[in-house]
Amino acid sequence: MAPKTVKRAISDILEDLSAENLEKFRVQLIDRREEPRVRRNRVAGKNFLEIADVLVTHFTEAGAPAVVVEILKDIGCAEDAVCLEQETGGQCSKPGSSGTGATGVNTGADGKHFVDKHRIKLIERVSNIAIILDELLDEDVIQQETYDKIKVLPTSQEKMRELYSGPLKAGGIRCKDKFYNILEKRERYLVDELKEMK
């Protein structure tokens, strides 16, 4: 049996939500701080089919599953989030990327997250650690205390090791996703090179 389209998978998940949870989903979608943002008039008073259409149009087929999964988890619908991840067969959030998970980040056939799979290379080679820490703080992946602790370490490698052993270990998949997205922006060539590695 052929897999569902992304829009169909999202609309099926939204259809199964209670009216209360669908409203919570709508509110969370409007309140998202990450770009691109969805305007209130695009989803206010809309049914699940219209909301699914907005999601796919706004975030693309590749990006929409990650946004929906994130919001479902935020509103306490983790089971629905897992279902969507399975239904979309690991769609990614970045157009043109391949072998990525529904969280929007590269996961290999072994199911390992990109930042876990390439841990050693990232520790060795990430150089823009100061700006990465700034962005992690801004994204609430790390707190000020952790930021201050890591910032004073003498080398980039020690800073990266501390980041891995603390916040990335404790924060789970969403923290790793945010870290990956920042790496894509700040260490583009390194990330591209690591993606090419088998």
N, C-alpha and C. Protein backbone atom coordinates (compact mmCIF):
# COMPACT_ATOMS: atom_id res chain seq x y z
N MET A 1 0.84 -1.19 0.00
CA MET A 1 0.00 0.00 0.00
C MET A 1 0.88 1.25 0.00
N ALA A 2 0.59 2.18 -0.90
CA ALA A 2 1.39 3.40 -1.02
C ALA A 2 1.22 4.27 0.22
N PRO A 3 2.29 4.96 0.62
CA PRO A 3 2.17 5.84 1.78
C PRO A 3 1.26 7.03 1.46
N LYS A 4 0.64 7.57 2.50
CA LYS A 4 -0.23 8.74 2.32
C LYS A 4 0.61 9.95 1.92
N THR A 5 -0.07 10.90 1.28
CA THR A 5 0.60 12.18 1.04
C THR A 5 0.76 12.87 2.40
N VAL A 6 1.68 13.82 2.45
CA VAL A 6 1.90 14.54 3.70
C VAL A 6 0.63 15.27 4.13
N LYS A 7 -0.02 15.93 3.17
CA LYS A 7 -1.24 16.68 3.51
C LYS A 7 -2.32 15.75 4.06
N ARG A 8 -2.46 14.58 3.45
CA ARG A 8 -3.47 13.61 3.90
C ARG A 8 -3.13 13.11 5.31
N ALA A 9 -1.86 12.81 5.54
CA ALA A 9 -1.44 12.32 6.86
C ALA A 9 -1.72 13.38 7.94
N ILE A 10 -1.41 14.63 7.62
CA ILE A 10 -1.63 15.72 8.59
C ILE A 10 -3.12 15.94 8.82
N SER A 11 -3.91 15.94 7.75
CA SER A 11 -5.35 16.17 7.91
C SER A 11 -6.00 15.03 8.70
N ASP A 12 -5.54 13.78 8.50
CA ASP A 12 -6.07 12.65 9.27
C ASP A 12 -5.78 12.81 10.76
N ILE A 13 -4.56 13.24 11.09
CA ILE A 13 -4.18 13.44 12.49
C ILE A 13 -5.03 14.56 13.11
N LEU A 14 -5.17 15.67 12.38
CA LEU A 14 -5.95 16.80 12.90
C LEU A 14 -7.43 16.44 13.05
N GLU A 15 -7.93 15.62 12.13
CA GLU A 15 -9.34 15.20 12.20
C GLU A 15 -9.61 14.40 13.47
N ASP A 16 -8.61 13.63 13.89
CA ASP A 16 -8.78 12.79 15.08
C ASP A 16 -8.67 13.55 16.40
N LEU A 17 -8.19 14.80 16.34
CA LEU A 17 -8.09 15.59 17.58
C LEU A 17 -9.48 15.98 18.07
N SER A 18 -9.62 16.08 19.38
CA SER A 18 -10.87 16.61 19.92
C SER A 18 -10.98 18.08 19.53
N ALA A 19 -12.20 18.63 19.62
CA ALA A 19 -12.40 20.04 19.28
C ALA A 19 -11.50 20.93 20.13
N GLU A 20 -11.35 20.55 21.41
CA GLU A 20 -10.51 21.33 22.33
C GLU A 20 -9.04 21.29 21.89
N ASN A 21 -8.56 20.09 21.54
CA ASN A 21 -7.16 19.97 21.12
C ASN A 21 -6.90 20.62 19.77
N LEU A 22 -7.90 20.57 18.88
CA LEU A 22 -7.73 21.25 17.59
C LEU A 22 -7.60 22.76 17.81
N GLU A 23 -8.37 23.28 18.76
CA GLU A 23 -8.28 24.72 19.07
C GLU A 23 -6.92 25.04 19.70
N LYS A 24 -6.45 24.16 20.59
CA LYS A 24 -5.11 24.35 21.17
C LYS A 24 -4.06 24.34 20.07
N PHE A 25 -4.21 23.42 19.12
CA PHE A 25 -3.27 23.32 18.01
C PHE A 25 -3.24 24.63 17.22
N ARG A 26 -4.45 25.15 16.93
CA ARG A 26 -4.58 26.40 16.19
C ARG A 26 -3.86 27.54 16.90
N VAL A 27 -4.09 27.65 18.22
CA VAL A 27 -3.48 28.72 19.02
C VAL A 27 -1.96 28.59 19.02
N GLN A 28 -1.45 27.35 19.22
CA GLN A 28 0.00 27.12 19.23
C GLN A 28 0.63 27.46 17.88
N LEU A 29 -0.08 27.13 16.81
CA LEU A 29 0.43 27.41 15.47
C LEU A 29 0.57 28.92 15.25
N ILE A 30 -0.42 29.67 15.69
CA ILE A 30 -0.39 31.13 15.55
C ILE A 30 0.69 31.74 16.44
N ASP A 31 0.90 31.14 17.62
CA ASP A 31 1.85 31.68 18.60
C ASP A 31 3.31 31.28 18.36
N ARG A 32 3.56 30.40 17.39
CA ARG A 32 4.95 29.98 17.12
C ARG A 32 5.83 31.19 16.85
N ARG A 33 7.01 31.22 17.48
CA ARG A 33 7.94 32.34 17.29
C ARG A 33 8.87 32.13 16.11
N GLU A 34 9.08 30.85 15.73
CA GLU A 34 10.00 30.56 14.63
C GLU A 34 9.38 31.02 13.31
N GLU A 35 10.26 31.43 12.40
CA GLU A 35 9.83 31.79 11.05
C GLU A 35 9.76 30.53 10.19
N PRO A 36 8.90 30.49 9.18
CA PRO A 36 7.88 31.48 8.86
C PRO A 36 6.69 31.35 9.78
N ARG A 37 6.10 32.48 10.15
CA ARG A 37 4.96 32.47 11.06
C ARG A 37 3.66 32.43 10.28
N VAL A 38 2.63 31.86 10.93
CA VAL A 38 1.31 31.76 10.31
C VAL A 38 0.41 32.86 10.89
N ARG A 39 -0.22 33.61 10.02
CA ARG A 39 -1.11 34.68 10.48
C ARG A 39 -2.43 34.08 11.00
N ARG A 40 -2.98 34.75 12.00
CA ARG A 40 -4.21 34.30 12.64
C ARG A 40 -5.34 34.07 11.62
N ASN A 41 -5.50 35.01 10.67
CA ASN A 41 -6.62 34.89 9.73
C ASN A 41 -6.51 33.69 8.79
N ARG A 42 -5.31 33.08 8.71
CA ARG A 42 -5.15 31.90 7.85
C ARG A 42 -5.78 30.65 8.46
N VAL A 43 -5.86 30.59 9.80
CA VAL A 43 -6.35 29.36 10.44
C VAL A 43 -7.54 29.57 11.39
N ALA A 44 -7.84 30.82 11.76
CA ALA A 44 -8.95 31.08 12.69
C ALA A 44 -10.27 30.61 12.06
N GLY A 45 -10.97 29.76 12.80
CA GLY A 45 -12.27 29.28 12.34
C GLY A 45 -12.21 28.26 11.21
N LYS A 46 -11.03 27.80 10.86
CA LYS A 46 -10.89 26.84 9.75
C LYS A 46 -11.01 25.41 10.27
N ASN A 47 -11.45 24.50 9.38
CA ASN A 47 -11.54 23.09 9.77
C ASN A 47 -10.20 22.40 9.55
N PHE A 48 -10.13 21.11 9.91
CA PHE A 48 -8.86 20.39 9.87
C PHE A 48 -8.28 20.30 8.46
N LEU A 49 -9.15 20.19 7.44
CA LEU A 49 -8.66 20.11 6.06
C LEU A 49 -8.01 21.42 5.63
N GLU A 50 -8.66 22.52 6.00
CA GLU A 50 -8.12 23.84 5.64
C GLU A 50 -6.80 24.12 6.37
N ILE A 51 -6.74 23.70 7.64
CA ILE A 51 -5.51 23.91 8.42
C ILE A 51 -4.37 23.07 7.82
N ALA A 52 -4.67 21.82 7.43
CA ALA A 52 -3.65 20.96 6.81
C ALA A 52 -3.15 21.61 5.52
N ASP A 53 -4.07 22.18 4.76
CA ASP A 53 -3.69 22.85 3.51
C ASP A 53 -2.77 24.04 3.78
N VAL A 54 -3.10 24.84 4.80
CA VAL A 54 -2.27 25.98 5.18
C VAL A 54 -0.88 25.51 5.59
N LEU A 55 -0.82 24.45 6.39
CA LEU A 55 0.46 23.93 6.88
C LEU A 55 1.38 23.51 5.72
N VAL A 56 0.84 22.75 4.79
CA VAL A 56 1.64 22.26 3.67
C VAL A 56 2.04 23.40 2.74
N THR A 57 1.11 24.34 2.51
CA THR A 57 1.41 25.49 1.65
C THR A 57 2.47 26.37 2.29
N HIS A 58 2.32 26.58 3.59
CA HIS A 58 3.18 27.52 4.32
C HIS A 58 4.58 26.95 4.60
N PHE A 59 4.64 25.69 5.03
CA PHE A 59 5.92 25.09 5.45
C PHE A 59 6.49 24.10 4.44
N THR A 60 5.80 23.86 3.36
CA THR A 60 6.12 22.87 2.32
C THR A 60 5.85 21.44 2.82
N GLU A 61 5.74 20.53 1.88
CA GLU A 61 5.50 19.12 2.24
C GLU A 61 6.64 18.58 3.09
N ALA A 62 7.84 19.07 2.82
CA ALA A 62 9.00 18.59 3.56
C ALA A 62 9.03 19.12 4.98
N GLY A 63 8.61 20.37 5.19
CA GLY A 63 8.73 21.01 6.50
C GLY A 63 7.52 20.88 7.41
N ALA A 64 6.34 20.68 6.83
CA ALA A 64 5.11 20.67 7.62
C ALA A 64 5.09 19.59 8.71
N PRO A 65 5.51 18.34 8.43
CA PRO A 65 5.44 17.32 9.49
C PRO A 65 6.18 17.71 10.76
N ALA A 66 7.36 18.33 10.61
CA ALA A 66 8.15 18.71 11.79
C ALA A 66 7.40 19.72 12.65
N VAL A 67 6.75 20.68 11.99
CA VAL A 67 6.00 21.71 12.71
C VAL A 67 4.81 21.09 13.44
N VAL A 68 4.10 20.21 12.75
CA VAL A 68 2.91 19.57 13.35
C VAL A 68 3.32 18.69 14.53
N VAL A 69 4.39 17.92 14.36
CA VAL A 69 4.88 17.05 15.45
C VAL A 69 5.24 17.89 16.67
N GLU A 70 5.95 18.98 16.45
CA GLU A 70 6.36 19.86 17.54
C GLU A 70 5.14 20.40 18.30
N ILE A 71 4.14 20.87 17.55
CA ILE A 71 2.94 21.44 18.20
C ILE A 71 2.14 20.36 18.92
N LEU A 72 2.01 19.20 18.29
CA LEU A 72 1.26 18.10 18.94
C LEU A 72 1.90 17.73 20.28
N LYS A 73 3.23 17.69 20.32
CA LYS A 73 3.91 17.38 21.58
C LYS A 73 3.67 18.48 22.60
N ASP A 74 3.69 19.73 22.14
CA ASP A 74 3.48 20.87 23.04
C ASP A 74 2.09 20.87 23.68
N ILE A 75 1.09 20.37 22.95
CA ILE A 75 -0.28 20.39 23.49
C ILE A 75 -0.66 19.07 24.16
N GLY A 76 0.33 18.19 24.34
CA GLY A 76 0.08 16.95 25.07
C GLY A 76 -0.48 15.83 24.23
N CYS A 77 -0.27 15.89 22.92
CA CYS A 77 -0.76 14.84 22.03
C CYS A 77 0.42 14.06 21.44
N ALA A 78 1.27 13.55 22.33
CA ALA A 78 2.51 12.88 21.90
C ALA A 78 2.24 11.64 21.05
N GLU A 79 1.18 10.90 21.38
CA GLU A 79 0.86 9.69 20.60
C GLU A 79 0.54 10.05 19.16
N ASP A 80 -0.23 11.15 18.99
CA ASP A 80 -0.56 11.60 17.64
C ASP A 80 0.70 12.03 16.90
N ALA A 81 1.63 12.65 17.64
CA ALA A 81 2.89 13.09 17.04
C ALA A 81 3.68 11.88 16.52
N VAL A 82 3.74 10.81 17.32
CA VAL A 82 4.44 9.59 16.91
C VAL A 82 3.76 8.99 15.68
N CYS A 83 2.43 8.96 15.69
CA CYS A 83 1.68 8.44 14.54
C CYS A 83 2.03 9.20 13.28
N LEU A 84 2.08 10.52 13.38
CA LEU A 84 2.38 11.34 12.21
C LEU A 84 3.80 11.07 11.71
N GLU A 85 4.73 10.93 12.65
CA GLU A 85 6.11 10.62 12.25
C GLU A 85 6.16 9.32 11.45
N GLN A 86 5.38 8.32 11.91
CA GLN A 86 5.34 7.03 11.21
C GLN A 86 4.64 7.16 9.86
N GLU A 87 3.52 7.89 9.85
CA GLU A 87 2.73 8.04 8.63
C GLU A 87 3.48 8.74 7.52
N THR A 88 4.28 9.75 7.88
CA THR A 88 4.98 10.51 6.86
C THR A 88 6.29 9.83 6.46
N GLY A 89 6.57 8.71 7.08
CA GLY A 89 7.72 7.92 6.68
C GLY A 89 9.04 8.65 6.78
N GLY A 90 9.12 9.54 7.77
CA GLY A 90 10.37 10.26 7.96
C GLY A 90 10.57 11.40 6.98
N GLN A 91 9.52 12.19 6.76
CA GLN A 91 9.69 13.38 5.92
C GLN A 91 10.59 14.36 6.64
N CYS A 92 11.29 15.19 5.87
CA CYS A 92 12.20 16.14 6.48
C CYS A 92 11.65 17.55 6.43
N SER A 93 12.29 18.45 7.17
CA SER A 93 11.80 19.83 7.18
C SER A 93 12.62 20.73 6.29
N LYS A 94 13.66 20.19 5.67
CA LYS A 94 14.50 21.02 4.82
C LYS A 94 14.34 20.56 3.38
N PRO A 95 13.83 21.42 2.49
CA PRO A 95 13.71 21.02 1.10
C PRO A 95 15.08 20.61 0.56
N GLY A 96 15.08 19.51 -0.17
CA GLY A 96 16.33 19.08 -0.79
C GLY A 96 17.19 18.19 0.07
N SER A 97 16.88 18.03 1.34
CA SER A 97 17.70 17.14 2.15
C SER A 97 17.14 15.72 2.04
N SER A 98 17.97 14.75 2.36
CA SER A 98 17.51 13.38 2.21
C SER A 98 17.84 12.57 3.44
N GLY A 99 17.12 11.48 3.61
CA GLY A 99 17.36 10.61 4.75
C GLY A 99 17.11 11.32 6.06
N THR A 100 16.03 12.07 6.13
CA THR A 100 15.79 12.85 7.33
C THR A 100 14.55 12.39 8.06
N GLY A 101 14.51 12.65 9.34
CA GLY A 101 13.39 12.22 10.16
C GLY A 101 12.29 13.24 10.20
N ALA A 102 11.13 12.86 10.71
CA ALA A 102 9.99 13.77 10.74
C ALA A 102 10.23 14.93 11.68
N THR A 103 11.23 14.84 12.51
CA THR A 103 11.56 15.98 13.36
C THR A 103 12.25 17.06 12.57
N GLY A 104 12.58 16.77 11.32
CA GLY A 104 13.19 17.77 10.48
C GLY A 104 14.69 17.66 10.41
N VAL A 105 15.24 16.64 11.00
CA VAL A 105 16.68 16.57 11.05
C VAL A 105 17.17 15.23 10.56
N ASN A 106 18.35 15.26 9.96
CA ASN A 106 18.96 14.08 9.39
C ASN A 106 19.04 12.93 10.37
N THR A 107 18.43 11.83 10.00
CA THR A 107 18.59 10.59 10.76
C THR A 107 18.94 9.51 9.75
N GLY A 108 19.94 8.73 10.07
CA GLY A 108 20.37 7.69 9.14
C GLY A 108 19.47 6.48 9.20
N ALA A 109 19.85 5.47 8.43
CA ALA A 109 19.09 4.22 8.42
C ALA A 109 19.08 3.59 9.81
N ASP A 110 20.12 3.91 10.59
CA ASP A 110 20.20 3.38 11.96
C ASP A 110 19.32 4.18 12.93
N GLY A 111 18.67 5.23 12.43
CA GLY A 111 17.78 6.03 13.27
C GLY A 111 18.49 7.01 14.18
N LYS A 112 19.81 7.12 14.04
CA LYS A 112 20.57 8.04 14.90
C LYS A 112 20.44 9.47 14.39
N HIS A 113 20.30 10.38 15.33
CA HIS A 113 20.21 11.80 15.00
C HIS A 113 21.54 12.27 14.42
N PHE A 114 21.48 13.20 13.48
CA PHE A 114 22.69 13.73 12.83
C PHE A 114 23.74 14.16 13.85
N VAL A 115 23.33 14.91 14.88
CA VAL A 115 24.31 15.44 15.83
C VAL A 115 24.92 14.35 16.72
N ASP A 116 24.21 13.22 16.86
CA ASP A 116 24.78 12.08 17.59
C ASP A 116 25.72 11.28 16.68
N LYS A 117 25.27 11.06 15.46
CA LYS A 117 26.04 10.27 14.51
C LYS A 117 27.41 10.90 14.22
N HIS A 118 27.44 12.23 14.14
CA HIS A 118 28.67 12.94 13.78
C HIS A 118 29.29 13.67 14.98
N ARG A 119 29.03 13.15 16.16
CA ARG A 119 29.49 13.79 17.39
C ARG A 119 30.99 14.10 17.38
N ILE A 120 31.81 13.11 17.07
CA ILE A 120 33.27 13.29 17.14
C ILE A 120 33.73 14.35 16.15
N LYS A 121 33.25 14.26 14.90
CA LYS A 121 33.64 15.24 13.88
C LYS A 121 33.19 16.65 14.27
N LEU A 122 31.99 16.76 14.82
CA LEU A 122 31.49 18.08 15.21
C LEU A 122 32.32 18.66 16.36
N ILE A 123 32.66 17.82 17.32
CA ILE A 123 33.51 18.28 18.44
C ILE A 123 34.87 18.75 17.91
N GLU A 124 35.43 17.99 16.98
CA GLU A 124 36.74 18.33 16.42
C GLU A 124 36.72 19.61 15.59
N ARG A 125 35.64 19.81 14.81
CA ARG A 125 35.74 20.79 13.73
C ARG A 125 34.85 22.02 13.83
N VAL A 126 33.85 22.03 14.72
CA VAL A 126 33.03 23.24 14.83
C VAL A 126 33.89 24.38 15.37
N SER A 127 33.88 25.50 14.64
CA SER A 127 34.75 26.61 15.03
C SER A 127 33.96 27.85 15.48
N ASN A 128 32.74 28.01 14.99
CA ASN A 128 31.94 29.19 15.33
C ASN A 128 31.15 28.98 16.63
N ILE A 129 31.80 28.43 17.63
CA ILE A 129 31.09 28.02 18.84
C ILE A 129 30.49 29.21 19.61
N ALA A 130 31.13 30.36 19.58
CA ALA A 130 30.61 31.52 20.33
C ALA A 130 29.23 31.93 19.82
N ILE A 131 29.09 32.07 18.51
CA ILE A 131 27.80 32.49 17.95
C ILE A 131 26.77 31.37 18.09
N ILE A 132 27.22 30.12 18.02
CA ILE A 132 26.31 28.98 18.21
C ILE A 132 25.75 29.00 19.64
N LEU A 133 26.61 29.25 20.61
CA LEU A 133 26.16 29.35 22.00
C LEU A 133 25.16 30.49 22.17
N ASP A 134 25.44 31.62 21.53
CA ASP A 134 24.52 32.76 21.59
C ASP A 134 23.13 32.36 21.09
N GLU A 135 23.12 31.66 19.96
CA GLU A 135 21.83 31.26 19.38
C GLU A 135 21.14 30.19 20.23
N LEU A 136 21.91 29.27 20.80
CA LEU A 136 21.32 28.25 21.68
C LEU A 136 20.68 28.90 22.91
N LEU A 137 21.32 29.91 23.42
CA LEU A 137 20.76 30.67 24.55
C LEU A 137 19.49 31.37 24.13
N ASP A 138 19.53 32.00 22.98
CA ASP A 138 18.37 32.73 22.45
C ASP A 138 17.19 31.80 22.19
N GLU A 139 17.49 30.55 21.79
CA GLU A 139 16.44 29.56 21.48
C GLU A 139 15.99 28.79 22.72
N ASP A 140 16.51 29.14 23.89
CA ASP A 140 16.18 28.46 25.14
C ASP A 140 16.60 27.00 25.19
N VAL A 141 17.61 26.65 24.39
CA VAL A 141 18.16 25.29 24.46
C VAL A 141 19.08 25.20 25.68
N ILE A 142 19.79 26.29 25.95
CA ILE A 142 20.61 26.37 27.16
C ILE A 142 20.21 27.59 27.98
N GLN A 143 20.44 27.50 29.27
CA GLN A 143 20.13 28.61 30.17
C GLN A 143 21.39 29.45 30.38
N GLN A 144 21.21 30.63 30.94
CA GLN A 144 22.31 31.56 31.13
C GLN A 144 23.47 30.94 31.93
N GLU A 145 23.13 30.19 32.96
CA GLU A 145 24.14 29.56 33.81
C GLU A 145 25.03 28.60 33.00
N THR A 146 24.38 27.79 32.17
CA THR A 146 25.10 26.84 31.32
C THR A 146 25.94 27.59 30.29
N TYR A 147 25.34 28.62 29.71
CA TYR A 147 26.03 29.46 28.73
C TYR A 147 27.33 30.02 29.33
N ASP A 148 27.23 30.59 30.52
CA ASP A 148 28.39 31.19 31.20
C ASP A 148 29.47 30.13 31.48
N LYS A 149 29.01 28.95 31.89
CA LYS A 149 29.93 27.85 32.23
C LYS A 149 30.71 27.38 30.98
N ILE A 150 29.99 27.24 29.86
CA ILE A 150 30.63 26.75 28.64
C ILE A 150 31.52 27.83 28.01
N LYS A 151 31.06 29.05 28.06
CA LYS A 151 31.76 30.18 27.42
C LYS A 151 33.21 30.35 27.93
N VAL A 152 33.44 30.06 29.21
CA VAL A 152 34.77 30.28 29.79
C VAL A 152 35.76 29.13 29.53
N LEU A 153 35.26 28.03 28.96
CA LEU A 153 36.18 26.92 28.66
C LEU A 153 37.17 27.36 27.58
N PRO A 154 38.43 26.90 27.68
CA PRO A 154 39.49 27.45 26.83
C PRO A 154 39.44 27.11 25.34
N THR A 155 38.96 25.91 24.98
CA THR A 155 38.99 25.53 23.56
C THR A 155 37.59 25.24 23.03
N SER A 156 37.46 25.32 21.71
CA SER A 156 36.18 25.00 21.05
C SER A 156 35.78 23.56 21.34
N GLN A 157 36.80 22.66 21.34
CA GLN A 157 36.50 21.24 21.57
C GLN A 157 35.92 21.01 22.97
N GLU A 158 36.49 21.68 23.97
CA GLU A 158 35.97 21.52 25.34
C GLU A 158 34.55 22.10 25.45
N LYS A 159 34.31 23.20 24.77
CA LYS A 159 32.98 23.80 24.77
C LYS A 159 31.96 22.85 24.14
N MET A 160 32.36 22.24 23.02
CA MET A 160 31.46 21.31 22.34
C MET A 160 31.21 20.07 23.20
N ARG A 161 32.25 19.55 23.84
CA ARG A 161 32.07 18.37 24.71
C ARG A 161 31.10 18.67 25.84
N GLU A 162 31.25 19.84 26.44
CA GLU A 162 30.36 20.24 27.54
C GLU A 162 28.92 20.38 27.05
N LEU A 163 28.78 20.91 25.85
CA LEU A 163 27.45 21.06 25.25
C LEU A 163 26.80 19.69 25.05
N TYR A 164 27.58 18.73 24.56
CA TYR A 164 27.08 17.38 24.34
C TYR A 164 26.74 16.67 25.65
N SER A 165 27.60 16.81 26.65
CA SER A 165 27.39 16.05 27.89
C SER A 165 26.31 16.66 28.77
N GLY A 166 25.98 17.92 28.53
CA GLY A 166 24.95 18.58 29.34
C GLY A 166 23.65 18.77 28.59
N PRO A 167 23.44 19.96 28.02
CA PRO A 167 22.16 20.32 27.41
C PRO A 167 21.67 19.39 26.31
N LEU A 168 22.56 18.96 25.41
CA LEU A 168 22.11 18.11 24.31
C LEU A 168 21.71 16.73 24.78
N LYS A 169 22.37 16.25 25.83
CA LYS A 169 22.04 14.94 26.40
C LYS A 169 20.70 15.01 27.14
N ALA A 170 20.51 16.09 27.88
CA ALA A 170 19.30 16.22 28.70
C ALA A 170 18.08 16.72 27.92
N GLY A 171 18.34 17.51 26.88
CA GLY A 171 17.25 18.20 26.20
C GLY A 171 16.44 17.38 25.22
N GLY A 172 16.97 16.25 24.80
CA GLY A 172 16.23 15.39 23.89
C GLY A 172 16.23 15.87 22.45
N ILE A 173 15.31 15.30 21.69
CA ILE A 173 15.30 15.48 20.23
C ILE A 173 15.09 16.93 19.80
N ARG A 174 14.24 17.67 20.50
CA ARG A 174 13.97 19.05 20.07
C ARG A 174 15.20 19.93 20.24
N CYS A 175 15.96 19.72 21.30
CA CYS A 175 17.19 20.49 21.49
C CYS A 175 18.20 20.13 20.40
N LYS A 176 18.29 18.85 20.08
CA LYS A 176 19.21 18.42 19.02
C LYS A 176 18.79 19.00 17.67
N ASP A 177 17.48 19.04 17.44
CA ASP A 177 16.97 19.63 16.20
C ASP A 177 17.37 21.10 16.08
N LYS A 178 17.20 21.84 17.18
CA LYS A 178 17.53 23.26 17.15
C LYS A 178 19.03 23.45 16.96
N PHE A 179 19.82 22.62 17.63
CA PHE A 179 21.26 22.66 17.49
C PHE A 179 21.66 22.40 16.04
N TYR A 180 21.05 21.39 15.45
CA TYR A 180 21.32 21.05 14.05
C TYR A 180 20.98 22.22 13.12
N ASN A 181 19.82 22.84 13.34
CA ASN A 181 19.41 23.96 12.49
C ASN A 181 20.39 25.13 12.58
N ILE A 182 20.91 25.36 13.79
CA ILE A 182 21.91 26.42 13.98
C ILE A 182 23.21 26.03 13.27
N LEU A 183 23.61 24.76 13.38
CA LEU A 183 24.81 24.29 12.68
C LEU A 183 24.67 24.46 11.17
N GLU A 184 23.48 24.17 10.66
CA GLU A 184 23.26 24.33 9.22
C GLU A 184 23.48 25.77 8.78
N LYS A 185 23.11 26.68 9.65
CA LYS A 185 23.25 28.10 9.33
C LYS A 185 24.69 28.58 9.53
N ARG A 186 25.34 28.16 10.62
CA ARG A 186 26.65 28.69 11.00
C ARG A 186 27.84 27.86 10.54
N GLU A 187 27.58 26.57 10.26
CA GLU A 187 28.67 25.66 9.83
C GLU A 187 28.20 24.89 8.60
N ARG A 188 27.68 25.63 7.64
CA ARG A 188 27.04 25.06 6.45
C ARG A 188 27.93 24.04 5.72
N TYR A 189 29.20 24.42 5.46
CA TYR A 189 30.08 23.54 4.69
C TYR A 189 30.42 22.26 5.45
N LEU A 190 30.60 22.39 6.73
CA LEU A 190 30.88 21.21 7.55
C LEU A 190 29.69 20.26 7.56
N VAL A 191 28.50 20.80 7.75
CA VAL A 191 27.29 19.97 7.77
C VAL A 191 27.10 19.28 6.42
N ASP A 192 27.29 20.03 5.33
CA ASP A 192 27.16 19.43 3.99
C ASP A 192 28.16 18.30 3.79
N GLU A 193 29.38 18.52 4.24
CA GLU A 193 30.42 17.49 4.11
C GLU A 193 30.04 16.24 4.91
N LEU A 194 29.55 16.43 6.12
CA LEU A 194 29.18 15.30 6.97
C LEU A 194 27.98 14.54 6.40
N LYS A 195 27.06 15.27 5.76
CA LYS A 195 25.91 14.61 5.12
C LYS A 195 26.35 13.68 4.00
N GLU A 196 27.45 14.04 3.33
CA GLU A 196 27.95 13.22 2.23
C GLU A 196 28.62 11.95 2.71
N MET A 197 29.03 11.94 3.98
CA MET A 197 29.71 10.75 4.51
C MET A 197 28.73 9.62 4.72
N LYS A 198 29.19 8.42 4.44
CA LYS A 198 28.34 7.24 4.61
C LYS A 198 28.43 6.74 6.04
